[in-house]
Structures are given as structure tokens and as C-alpha cells.
Amino acid sequence: MTRGYPEIESQHCYDERHVQKQLNDLAVGETAHFDRAEVDHDTAGFLRAIGLTRHSEVRLCKAGEPCIIQVRSTRIGLSRPVASRIFVVPIASAQPGR
């Protein structure tokens, strides 16, 4: 069963004024804030363990399979199916007044 990231319960961290993207749709080098993940319980626990939590900053280092992201000072490889279920808000879109 797929459900929202347990601590967020599919609630968006940002409102509709912010452009939301799937993680794997970011451009290489683009930075975004985590919004939500629609993954199973075990995957949600893994994402929290690597530091992907509400409003955390993530940078796409490599697109494709695996999708390599940087969370804080750690680079992590994610499968394409997992990356496509993680939703982020690009930093430029998250700035006030934009």
C-alpha cells in the first residue's frame, strides 16, 4: 500500500503558489525543498534515516538510474521509481514573493 510520508500524511508543506516537481524532474544541479513522498512505510523510514525530512534541502547530482541526490552533506542513489514518488519545491519557487 502506498501512502504519504508518515509524519506528513500527504499534506503539502507548501501552498499552491509554489511549483511542485517530482524529484527526478529537477535539472542536474538544481536545489529544492522536500515537500512529500508517496511511498510505503519502509521506504519512508529510509528517507527519514538519510535526512530527507520536512523542508530539508535536496540537490539533484545525477538524473537517471540511479538518481543521485545530495541531502545535507551525503550523496544517495535512489531508484527511478522511488525518485518519481518524491515531490519537491524548487528553491526559486519557494522564495517569498515568487
PDB file of N, CA and C in Angstrom:
ATOM      1  N   MET A   1       0.838  -1.183   0.000  1.00  0.00           N
ATOM      2  CA  MET A   1       0.000   0.000   0.000  1.00  0.00           C
ATOM      3  C   MET A   1       0.880   1.242   0.000  1.00  0.00           C
ATOM      4  N   THR A   2       0.585   2.144  -0.902  1.00  0.00           N
ATOM      5  CA  THR A   2       1.323   3.388  -0.976  1.00  0.00           C
ATOM      6  C   THR A   2       0.562   4.451  -0.205  1.00  0.00           C
ATOM      7  N   ARG A   3       1.289   5.210   0.570  1.00  0.00           N
ATOM      8  CA  ARG A   3       0.658   6.296   1.312  1.00  0.00           C
ATOM      9  C   ARG A   3       1.655   7.408   1.482  1.00  0.00           C
ATOM     10  N   GLY A   4       1.202   8.506   2.015  1.00  0.00           N
ATOM     11  CA  GLY A   4       2.088   9.644   2.206  1.00  0.00           C
ATOM     12  C   GLY A   4       3.133   9.375   3.268  1.00  0.00           C
ATOM     13  N   TYR A   5       4.197  10.101   3.215  1.00  0.00           N
ATOM     14  CA  TYR A   5       5.264  10.069   4.210  1.00  0.00           C
ATOM     15  C   TYR A   5       4.604  10.137   5.569  1.00  0.00           C
ATOM     16  N   PRO A   6       4.807   9.174   6.456  1.00  0.00           N
ATOM     17  CA  PRO A   6       4.025   9.084   7.696  1.00  0.00           C
ATOM     18  C   PRO A   6       3.949  10.362   8.523  1.00  0.00           C
ATOM     19  N   GLU A   7       5.047  11.089   8.673  1.00  0.00           N
ATOM     20  CA  GLU A   7       4.974  12.267   9.531  1.00  0.00           C
ATOM     21  C   GLU A   7       4.268  13.431   8.854  1.00  0.00           C
ATOM     22  N   ILE A   8       4.006  13.313   7.557  1.00  0.00           N
ATOM     23  CA  ILE A   8       3.375  14.403   6.820  1.00  0.00           C
ATOM     24  C   ILE A   8       1.954  14.032   6.400  1.00  0.00           C
ATOM     25  N   GLU A   9       1.687  12.727   6.277  1.00  0.00           N
ATOM     26  CA  GLU A   9       0.360  12.238   5.894  1.00  0.00           C
ATOM     27  C   GLU A   9      -0.167  12.907   4.626  1.00  0.00           C
ATOM     28  N   SER A  10       0.691  13.024   3.609  1.00  0.00           N
ATOM     29  CA  SER A  10       0.328  13.565   2.300  1.00  0.00           C
ATOM     30  C   SER A  10      -0.065  15.034   2.323  1.00  0.00           C
ATOM     31  N   GLN A  11       0.113  15.717   3.432  1.00  0.00           N
ATOM     32  CA  GLN A  11      -0.146  17.143   3.449  1.00  0.00           C
ATOM     33  C   GLN A  11       1.036  17.837   2.804  1.00  0.00           C
ATOM     34  N   HIS A  12       0.731  18.824   2.001  1.00  0.00           N
ATOM     35  CA  HIS A  12       1.794  19.567   1.341  1.00  0.00           C
ATOM     36  C   HIS A  12       2.418  20.564   2.312  1.00  0.00           C
ATOM     37  N   CYS A  13       3.730  20.699   2.232  1.00  0.00           N
ATOM     38  CA  CYS A  13       4.428  21.668   3.070  1.00  0.00           C
ATOM     39  C   CYS A  13       4.285  23.078   2.508  1.00  0.00           C
ATOM     40  N   TYR A  14       3.994  23.169   1.217  1.00  0.00           N
ATOM     41  CA  TYR A  14       3.899  24.454   0.532  1.00  0.00           C
ATOM     42  C   TYR A  14       2.508  24.597  -0.045  1.00  0.00           C
ATOM     43  N   ASP A  15       2.089  25.825  -0.318  1.00  0.00           N
ATOM     44  CA  ASP A  15       0.756  26.013  -0.884  1.00  0.00           C
ATOM     45  C   ASP A  15       0.820  25.990  -2.413  1.00  0.00           C
ATOM     46  N   GLU A  16      -0.332  26.204  -3.047  1.00  0.00           N
ATOM     47  CA  GLU A  16      -0.437  26.068  -4.495  1.00  0.00           C
ATOM     48  C   GLU A  16       0.352  27.121  -5.279  1.00  0.00           C
ATOM     49  N   ARG A  17       0.827  28.166  -4.643  1.00  0.00           N
ATOM     50  CA  ARG A  17       1.628  29.183  -5.348  1.00  0.00           C
ATOM     51  C   ARG A  17       3.016  28.656  -5.690  1.00  0.00           C
ATOM     52  N   HIS A  18       3.443  27.608  -5.031  1.00  0.00           N
ATOM     53  CA  HIS A  18       4.770  27.069  -5.250  1.00  0.00           C
ATOM     54  C   HIS A  18       4.721  25.942  -6.277  1.00  0.00           C
ATOM     55  N   VAL A  19       5.668  25.951  -7.179  1.00  0.00           N
ATOM     56  CA  VAL A  19       5.724  24.939  -8.227  1.00  0.00           C
ATOM     57  C   VAL A  19       6.308  23.660  -7.641  1.00  0.00           C
ATOM     58  N   GLN A  20       5.532  22.613  -7.716  1.00  0.00           N
ATOM     59  CA  GLN A  20       5.972  21.328  -7.186  1.00  0.00           C
ATOM     60  C   GLN A  20       6.407  20.444  -8.350  1.00  0.00           C
ATOM     61  N   LYS A  21       7.495  19.680  -8.142  1.00  0.00           N
ATOM     62  CA  LYS A  21       8.004  18.769  -9.155  1.00  0.00           C
ATOM     63  C   LYS A  21       8.307  17.426  -8.527  1.00  0.00           C
ATOM     64  N   GLN A  22       8.333  16.407  -9.370  1.00  0.00           N
ATOM     65  CA  GLN A  22       8.869  15.132  -8.922  1.00  0.00           C
ATOM     66  C   GLN A  22      10.377  15.311  -8.830  1.00  0.00           C
ATOM     67  N   LEU A  23      10.993  14.653  -7.875  1.00  0.00           N
ATOM     68  CA  LEU A  23      12.432  14.772  -7.680  1.00  0.00           C
ATOM     69  C   LEU A  23      13.202  14.494  -8.971  1.00  0.00           C
ATOM     70  N   ASN A  24      12.809  13.463  -9.698  1.00  0.00           N
ATOM     71  CA  ASN A  24      13.552  13.114 -10.906  1.00  0.00           C
ATOM     72  C   ASN A  24      13.299  14.077 -12.063  1.00  0.00           C
ATOM     73  N   ASP A  25      12.441  15.077 -11.896  1.00  0.00           N
ATOM     74  CA  ASP A  25      12.224  16.096 -12.921  1.00  0.00           C
ATOM     75  C   ASP A  25      13.068  17.348 -12.709  1.00  0.00           C
ATOM     76  N   LEU A  26      13.831  17.401 -11.609  1.00  0.00           N
ATOM     77  CA  LEU A  26      14.738  18.533 -11.402  1.00  0.00           C
ATOM     78  C   LEU A  26      15.844  18.477 -12.443  1.00  0.00           C
ATOM     79  N   ALA A  27      16.423  19.619 -12.751  1.00  0.00           N
ATOM     80  CA  ALA A  27      17.609  19.667 -13.606  1.00  0.00           C
ATOM     81  C   ALA A  27      18.819  19.288 -12.756  1.00  0.00           C
ATOM     82  N   VAL A  28      19.818  18.679 -13.364  1.00  0.00           N
ATOM     83  CA  VAL A  28      21.033  18.331 -12.636  1.00  0.00           C
ATOM     84  C   VAL A  28      21.622  19.611 -12.044  1.00  0.00           C
ATOM     85  N   GLY A  29      21.920  19.570 -10.754  1.00  0.00           N
ATOM     86  CA  GLY A  29      22.454  20.732 -10.047  1.00  0.00           C
ATOM     87  C   GLY A  29      21.387  21.593  -9.389  1.00  0.00           C
ATOM     88  N   GLU A  30      20.116  21.374  -9.735  1.00  0.00           N
ATOM     89  CA  GLU A  30      19.016  22.165  -9.166  1.00  0.00           C
ATOM     90  C   GLU A  30      18.771  21.750  -7.714  1.00  0.00           C
ATOM     91  N   THR A  31      18.451  22.726  -6.883  1.00  0.00           N
ATOM     92  CA  THR A  31      18.197  22.506  -5.462  1.00  0.00           C
ATOM     93  C   THR A  31      16.728  22.773  -5.164  1.00  0.00           C
ATOM     94  N   ALA A  32      16.173  21.957  -4.271  1.00  0.00           N
ATOM     95  CA  ALA A  32      14.762  22.096  -3.928  1.00  0.00           C
ATOM     96  C   ALA A  32      14.557  21.724  -2.466  1.00  0.00           C
ATOM     97  N   HIS A  33      13.380  22.063  -1.955  1.00  0.00           N
ATOM     98  CA  HIS A  33      12.970  21.652  -0.615  1.00  0.00           C
ATOM     99  C   HIS A  33      12.036  20.458  -0.744  1.00  0.00           C
ATOM    100  N   PHE A  34      12.211  19.485   0.139  1.00  0.00           N
ATOM    101  CA  PHE A  34      11.332  18.327   0.176  1.00  0.00           C
ATOM    102  C   PHE A  34       9.922  18.773   0.530  1.00  0.00           C
ATOM    103  N   ASP A  35       8.927  18.253  -0.183  1.00  0.00           N
ATOM    104  CA  ASP A  35       7.527  18.536   0.138  1.00  0.00           C
ATOM    105  C   ASP A  35       6.859  17.302   0.700  1.00  0.00           C
ATOM    106  N   ARG A  36       6.878  16.191  -0.049  1.00  0.00           N
ATOM    107  CA  ARG A  36       6.248  14.963   0.414  1.00  0.00           C
ATOM    108  C   ARG A  36       6.737  13.787  -0.407  1.00  0.00           C
ATOM    109  N   ALA A  37       6.491  12.586   0.103  1.00  0.00           N
ATOM    110  CA  ALA A  37       6.815  11.355  -0.605  1.00  0.00           C
ATOM    111  C   ALA A  37       5.624  10.420  -0.502  1.00  0.00           C
ATOM    112  N   GLU A  38       5.249   9.826  -1.612  1.00  0.00           N
ATOM    113  CA  GLU A  38       4.150   8.866  -1.632  1.00  0.00           C
ATOM    114  C   GLU A  38       4.771   7.481  -1.756  1.00  0.00           C
ATOM    115  N   VAL A  39       5.233   6.976  -0.619  1.00  0.00           N
ATOM    116  CA  VAL A  39       5.980   5.714  -0.577  1.00  0.00           C
ATOM    117  C   VAL A  39       5.458   4.834   0.554  1.00  0.00           C
ATOM    118  N   ASP A  40       5.897   3.577   0.551  1.00  0.00           N
ATOM    119  CA  ASP A  40       5.485   2.665   1.621  1.00  0.00           C
ATOM    120  C   ASP A  40       6.218   2.997   2.919  1.00  0.00           C
ATOM    121  N   HIS A  41       5.782   2.366   3.990  1.00  0.00           N
ATOM    122  CA  HIS A  41       6.308   2.646   5.325  1.00  0.00           C
ATOM    123  C   HIS A  41       7.823   2.431   5.420  1.00  0.00           C
ATOM    124  N   ASP A  42       8.325   1.335   4.869  1.00  0.00           N
ATOM    125  CA  ASP A  42       9.764   1.047   4.947  1.00  0.00           C
ATOM    126  C   ASP A  42      10.588   2.078   4.199  1.00  0.00           C
ATOM    127  N   THR A  43      10.125   2.464   3.013  1.00  0.00           N
ATOM    128  CA  THR A  43      10.850   3.470   2.232  1.00  0.00           C
ATOM    129  C   THR A  43      10.813   4.817   2.931  1.00  0.00           C
ATOM    130  N   ALA A  44       9.674   5.146   3.537  1.00  0.00           N
ATOM    131  CA  ALA A  44       9.566   6.407   4.294  1.00  0.00           C
ATOM    132  C   ALA A  44      10.583   6.433   5.421  1.00  0.00           C
ATOM    133  N   GLY A  45      10.745   5.309   6.115  1.00  0.00           N
ATOM    134  CA  GLY A  45      11.737   5.225   7.191  1.00  0.00           C
ATOM    135  C   GLY A  45      13.147   5.414   6.668  1.00  0.00           C
ATOM    136  N   PHE A  46      13.443   4.833   5.515  1.00  0.00           N
ATOM    137  CA  PHE A  46      14.758   5.002   4.897  1.00  0.00           C
ATOM    138  C   PHE A  46      14.996   6.475   4.547  1.00  0.00           C
ATOM    139  N   LEU A  47      14.008   7.117   3.956  1.00  0.00           N
ATOM    140  CA  LEU A  47      14.163   8.524   3.572  1.00  0.00           C
ATOM    141  C   LEU A  47      14.419   9.402   4.797  1.00  0.00           C
ATOM    142  N   ARG A  48      13.703   9.136   5.887  1.00  0.00           N
ATOM    143  CA  ARG A  48      13.963   9.896   7.125  1.00  0.00           C
ATOM    144  C   ARG A  48      15.374   9.628   7.625  1.00  0.00           C
ATOM    145  N   ALA A  49      15.807   8.367   7.546  1.00  0.00           N
ATOM    146  CA  ALA A  49      17.141   7.998   8.043  1.00  0.00           C
ATOM    147  C   ALA A  49      18.260   8.692   7.275  1.00  0.00           C
ATOM    148  N   ILE A  50      18.043   8.967   5.988  1.00  0.00           N
ATOM    149  CA  ILE A  50      19.092   9.650   5.214  1.00  0.00           C
ATOM    150  C   ILE A  50      18.979  11.166   5.321  1.00  0.00           C
ATOM    151  N   GLY A  51      18.000  11.641   6.105  1.00  0.00           N
ATOM    152  CA  GLY A  51      17.888  13.074   6.352  1.00  0.00           C
ATOM    153  C   GLY A  51      16.873  13.801   5.499  1.00  0.00           C
ATOM    154  N   LEU A  52      16.085  13.075   4.720  1.00  0.00           N
ATOM    155  CA  LEU A  52      15.072  13.712   3.884  1.00  0.00           C
ATOM    156  C   LEU A  52      13.811  13.889   4.718  1.00  0.00           C
ATOM    157  N   THR A  53      13.700  15.047   5.341  1.00  0.00           N
ATOM    158  CA  THR A  53      12.587  15.362   6.232  1.00  0.00           C
ATOM    159  C   THR A  53      11.943  16.669   5.791  1.00  0.00           C
ATOM    160  N   ARG A  54      10.839  17.006   6.412  1.00  0.00           N
ATOM    161  CA  ARG A  54      10.079  18.199   6.038  1.00  0.00           C
ATOM    162  C   ARG A  54      10.980  19.417   5.871  1.00  0.00           C
ATOM    163  N   HIS A  55      10.861  20.037   4.726  1.00  0.00           N
ATOM    164  CA  HIS A  55      11.583  21.261   4.348  1.00  0.00           C
ATOM    165  C   HIS A  55      13.088  21.062   4.149  1.00  0.00           C
ATOM    166  N   SER A  56      13.594  19.829   4.218  1.00  0.00           N
ATOM    167  CA  SER A  56      15.034  19.653   4.017  1.00  0.00           C
ATOM    168  C   SER A  56      15.397  19.998   2.578  1.00  0.00           C
ATOM    169  N   GLU A  57      16.628  20.417   2.388  1.00  0.00           N
ATOM    170  CA  GLU A  57      17.112  20.819   1.080  1.00  0.00           C
ATOM    171  C   GLU A  57      17.750  19.611   0.391  1.00  0.00           C
ATOM    172  N   VAL A  58      17.453  19.436  -0.876  1.00  0.00           N
ATOM    173  CA  VAL A  58      17.974  18.332  -1.656  1.00  0.00           C
ATOM    174  C   VAL A  58      18.467  18.869  -3.000  1.00  0.00           C
ATOM    175  N   ARG A  59      19.577  18.331  -3.491  1.00  0.00           N
ATOM    176  CA  ARG A  59      20.138  18.750  -4.781  1.00  0.00           C
ATOM    177  C   ARG A  59      20.262  17.519  -5.664  1.00  0.00           C
ATOM    178  N   LEU A  60      19.840  17.651  -6.920  1.00  0.00           N
ATOM    179  CA  LEU A  60      19.975  16.549  -7.867  1.00  0.00           C
ATOM    180  C   LEU A  60      21.387  16.557  -8.436  1.00  0.00           C
ATOM    181  N   CYS A  61      22.126  15.487  -8.178  1.00  0.00           N
ATOM    182  CA  CYS A  61      23.511  15.370  -8.670  1.00  0.00           C
ATOM    183  C   CYS A  61      23.581  14.628  -9.998  1.00  0.00           C
ATOM    184  N   LYS A  62      22.702  13.630 -10.183  1.00  0.00           N
ATOM    185  CA  LYS A  62      22.693  12.831 -11.411  1.00  0.00           C
ATOM    186  C   LYS A  62      21.277  12.332 -11.649  1.00  0.00           C
ATOM    187  N   ALA A  63      20.778  12.562 -12.856  1.00  0.00           N
ATOM    188  CA  ALA A  63      19.458  12.052 -13.223  1.00  0.00           C
ATOM    189  C   ALA A  63      19.617  10.629 -13.758  1.00  0.00           C
ATOM    190  N   GLY A  64      18.530   9.912 -13.832  1.00  0.00           N
ATOM    191  CA  GLY A  64      18.570   8.571 -14.408  1.00  0.00           C
ATOM    192  C   GLY A  64      18.487   7.486 -13.364  1.00  0.00           C
ATOM    193  N   GLU A  65      19.129   6.377 -13.675  1.00  0.00           N
ATOM    194  CA  GLU A  65      19.066   5.188 -12.807  1.00  0.00           C
ATOM    195  C   GLU A  65      20.475   4.797 -12.403  1.00  0.00           C
ATOM    196  N   PRO A  66      20.905   4.978 -11.191  1.00  0.00           N
ATOM    197  CA  PRO A  66      20.109   5.573 -10.112  1.00  0.00           C
ATOM    198  C   PRO A  66      20.083   7.091 -10.205  1.00  0.00           C
ATOM    199  N   CYS A  67      19.116   7.671  -9.561  1.00  0.00           N
ATOM    200  CA  CYS A  67      19.020   9.117  -9.401  1.00  0.00           C
ATOM    201  C   CYS A  67      19.868   9.437  -8.168  1.00  0.00           C
ATOM    202  N   ILE A  68      20.899  10.253  -8.342  1.00  0.00           N
ATOM    203  CA  ILE A  68      21.777  10.562  -7.204  1.00  0.00           C
ATOM    204  C   ILE A  68      21.443  11.956  -6.686  1.00  0.00           C
ATOM    205  N   ILE A  69      21.155  12.017  -5.395  1.00  0.00           N
ATOM    206  CA  ILE A  69      20.804  13.279  -4.758  1.00  0.00           C
ATOM    207  C   ILE A  69      21.777  13.561  -3.617  1.00  0.00           C
ATOM    208  N   GLN A  70      21.852  14.818  -3.252  1.00  0.00           N
ATOM    209  CA  GLN A  70      22.618  15.204  -2.068  1.00  0.00           C
ATOM    210  C   GLN A  70      21.633  15.760  -1.061  1.00  0.00           C
ATOM    211  N   VAL A  71      21.641  15.176   0.126  1.00  0.00           N
ATOM    212  CA  VAL A  71      20.838  15.640   1.260  1.00  0.00           C
ATOM    213  C   VAL A  71      21.832  15.983   2.352  1.00  0.00           C
ATOM    214  N   ARG A  72      21.842  17.242   2.751  1.00  0.00           N
ATOM    215  CA  ARG A  72      22.852  17.736   3.679  1.00  0.00           C
ATOM    216  C   ARG A  72      24.222  17.470   3.055  1.00  0.00           C
ATOM    217  N   SER A  73      25.106  16.738   3.681  1.00  0.00           N
ATOM    218  CA  SER A  73      26.437  16.516   3.099  1.00  0.00           C
ATOM    219  C   SER A  73      26.608  15.102   2.553  1.00  0.00           C
ATOM    220  N   THR A  74      25.501  14.381   2.363  1.00  0.00           N
ATOM    221  CA  THR A  74      25.567  12.998   1.926  1.00  0.00           C
ATOM    222  C   THR A  74      24.923  12.821   0.556  1.00  0.00           C
ATOM    223  N   ARG A  75      25.592  12.064  -0.305  1.00  0.00           N
ATOM    224  CA  ARG A  75      25.018  11.716  -1.610  1.00  0.00           C
ATOM    225  C   ARG A  75      24.433  10.313  -1.526  1.00  0.00           C
ATOM    226  N   ILE A  76      23.245  10.175  -2.098  1.00  0.00           N
ATOM    227  CA  ILE A  76      22.495   8.926  -2.020  1.00  0.00           C
ATOM    228  C   ILE A  76      21.970   8.582  -3.409  1.00  0.00           C
ATOM    229  N   GLY A  77      22.007   7.297  -3.761  1.00  0.00           N
ATOM    230  CA  GLY A  77      21.412   6.831  -5.007  1.00  0.00           C
ATOM    231  C   GLY A  77      20.026   6.276  -4.741  1.00  0.00           C
ATOM    232  N   LEU A  78      19.051   6.742  -5.507  1.00  0.00           N
ATOM    233  CA  LEU A  78      17.671   6.268  -5.396  1.00  0.00           C
ATOM    234  C   LEU A  78      17.235   5.667  -6.726  1.00  0.00           C
ATOM    235  N   SER A  79      16.435   4.637  -6.655  1.00  0.00           N
ATOM    236  CA  SER A  79      15.895   4.072  -7.890  1.00  0.00           C
ATOM    237  C   SER A  79      14.946   5.085  -8.537  1.00  0.00           C
ATOM    238  N   ARG A  80      14.772   4.966  -9.838  1.00  0.00           N
ATOM    239  CA  ARG A  80      13.866   5.869 -10.556  1.00  0.00           C
ATOM    240  C   ARG A  80      12.441   5.789  -9.998  1.00  0.00           C
ATOM    241  N   PRO A  81      11.916   4.567  -9.695  1.00  0.00           N
ATOM    242  CA  PRO A  81      10.555   4.514  -9.142  1.00  0.00           C
ATOM    243  C   PRO A  81      10.420   5.256  -7.800  1.00  0.00           C
ATOM    244  N   VAL A  82      11.422   5.187  -6.941  1.00  0.00           N
ATOM    245  CA  VAL A  82      11.358   5.908  -5.666  1.00  0.00           C
ATOM    246  C   VAL A  82      11.457   7.410  -5.917  1.00  0.00           C
ATOM    247  N   ALA A  83      12.395   7.828  -6.757  1.00  0.00           N
ATOM    248  CA  ALA A  83      12.578   9.257  -7.040  1.00  0.00           C
ATOM    249  C   ALA A  83      11.309   9.876  -7.637  1.00  0.00           C
ATOM    250  N   SER A  84      10.575   9.100  -8.424  1.00  0.00           N
ATOM    251  CA  SER A  84       9.363   9.637  -9.051  1.00  0.00           C
ATOM    252  C   SER A  84       8.222   9.811  -8.048  1.00  0.00           C
ATOM    253  N   ARG A  85       8.353   9.260  -6.853  1.00  0.00           N
ATOM    254  CA  ARG A  85       7.311   9.374  -5.825  1.00  0.00           C
ATOM    255  C   ARG A  85       7.674  10.391  -4.741  1.00  0.00           C
ATOM    256  N   ILE A  86       8.779  11.102  -4.952  1.00  0.00           N
ATOM    257  CA  ILE A  86       9.212  12.160  -4.034  1.00  0.00           C
ATOM    258  C   ILE A  86       8.919  13.490  -4.706  1.00  0.00           C
ATOM    259  N   PHE A  87       8.234  14.367  -3.996  1.00  0.00           N
ATOM    260  CA  PHE A  87       7.832  15.652  -4.551  1.00  0.00           C
ATOM    261  C   PHE A  87       8.560  16.784  -3.825  1.00  0.00           C
ATOM    262  N   VAL A  88       9.080  17.715  -4.608  1.00  0.00           N
ATOM    263  CA  VAL A  88       9.903  18.798  -4.088  1.00  0.00           C
ATOM    264  C   VAL A  88       9.422  20.135  -4.645  1.00  0.00           C
ATOM    265  N   VAL A  89       9.856  21.208  -4.009  1.00  0.00           N
ATOM    266  CA  VAL A  89       9.581  22.565  -4.484  1.00  0.00           C
ATOM    267  C   VAL A  89      10.936  23.224  -4.752  1.00  0.00           C
ATOM    268  N   PRO A  90      11.218  23.537  -6.030  1.00  0.00           N
ATOM    269  CA  PRO A  90      12.496  24.182  -6.338  1.00  0.00           C
ATOM    270  C   PRO A  90      12.704  25.429  -5.478  1.00  0.00           C
ATOM    271  N   ILE A  91      13.940  25.671  -5.092  1.00  0.00           N
ATOM    272  CA  ILE A  91      14.262  26.780  -4.177  1.00  0.00           C
ATOM    273  C   ILE A  91      13.757  28.115  -4.703  1.00  0.00           C
ATOM    274  N   ALA A  92      13.937  28.419  -5.980  1.00  0.00           N
ATOM    275  CA  ALA A  92      13.480  29.692  -6.531  1.00  0.00           C
ATOM    276  C   ALA A  92      11.982  29.861  -6.367  1.00  0.00           C
ATOM    277  N   SER A  93      11.219  28.756  -6.506  1.00  0.00           N
ATOM    278  CA  SER A  93       9.770  28.796  -6.360  1.00  0.00           C
ATOM    279  C   SER A  93       9.344  28.965  -4.912  1.00  0.00           C
ATOM    280  N   ALA A  94      10.202  28.543  -3.990  1.00  0.00           N
ATOM    281  CA  ALA A  94       9.843  28.581  -2.557  1.00  0.00           C
ATOM    282  C   ALA A  94      10.166  29.918  -1.907  1.00  0.00           C
ATOM    283  N   GLN A  95      10.856  30.814  -2.610  1.00  0.00           N
ATOM    284  CA  GLN A  95      11.230  32.090  -2.026  1.00  0.00           C
ATOM    285  C   GLN A  95      10.002  32.985  -1.881  1.00  0.00           C
ATOM    286  N   PRO A  96       9.894  33.752  -0.801  1.00  0.00           N
ATOM    287  CA  PRO A  96       8.745  34.637  -0.600  1.00  0.00           C
ATOM    288  C   PRO A  96       8.613  35.623  -1.748  1.00  0.00           C
ATOM    289  N   GLY A  97       7.370  35.883  -2.158  1.00  0.00           N
ATOM    290  CA  GLY A  97       7.118  36.861  -3.197  1.00  0.00           C
ATOM    291  C   GLY A  97       7.275  36.330  -4.593  1.00  0.00           C
ATOM    292  N   ARG A  98       7.513  35.038  -4.763  1.00  0.00           N
ATOM    293  CA  ARG A  98       7.682  34.470  -6.098  1.00  0.00           C
ATOM    294  C   ARG A  98       6.500  33.627  -6.453  1.00  0.00           C
TER     295      ARG A  98
END
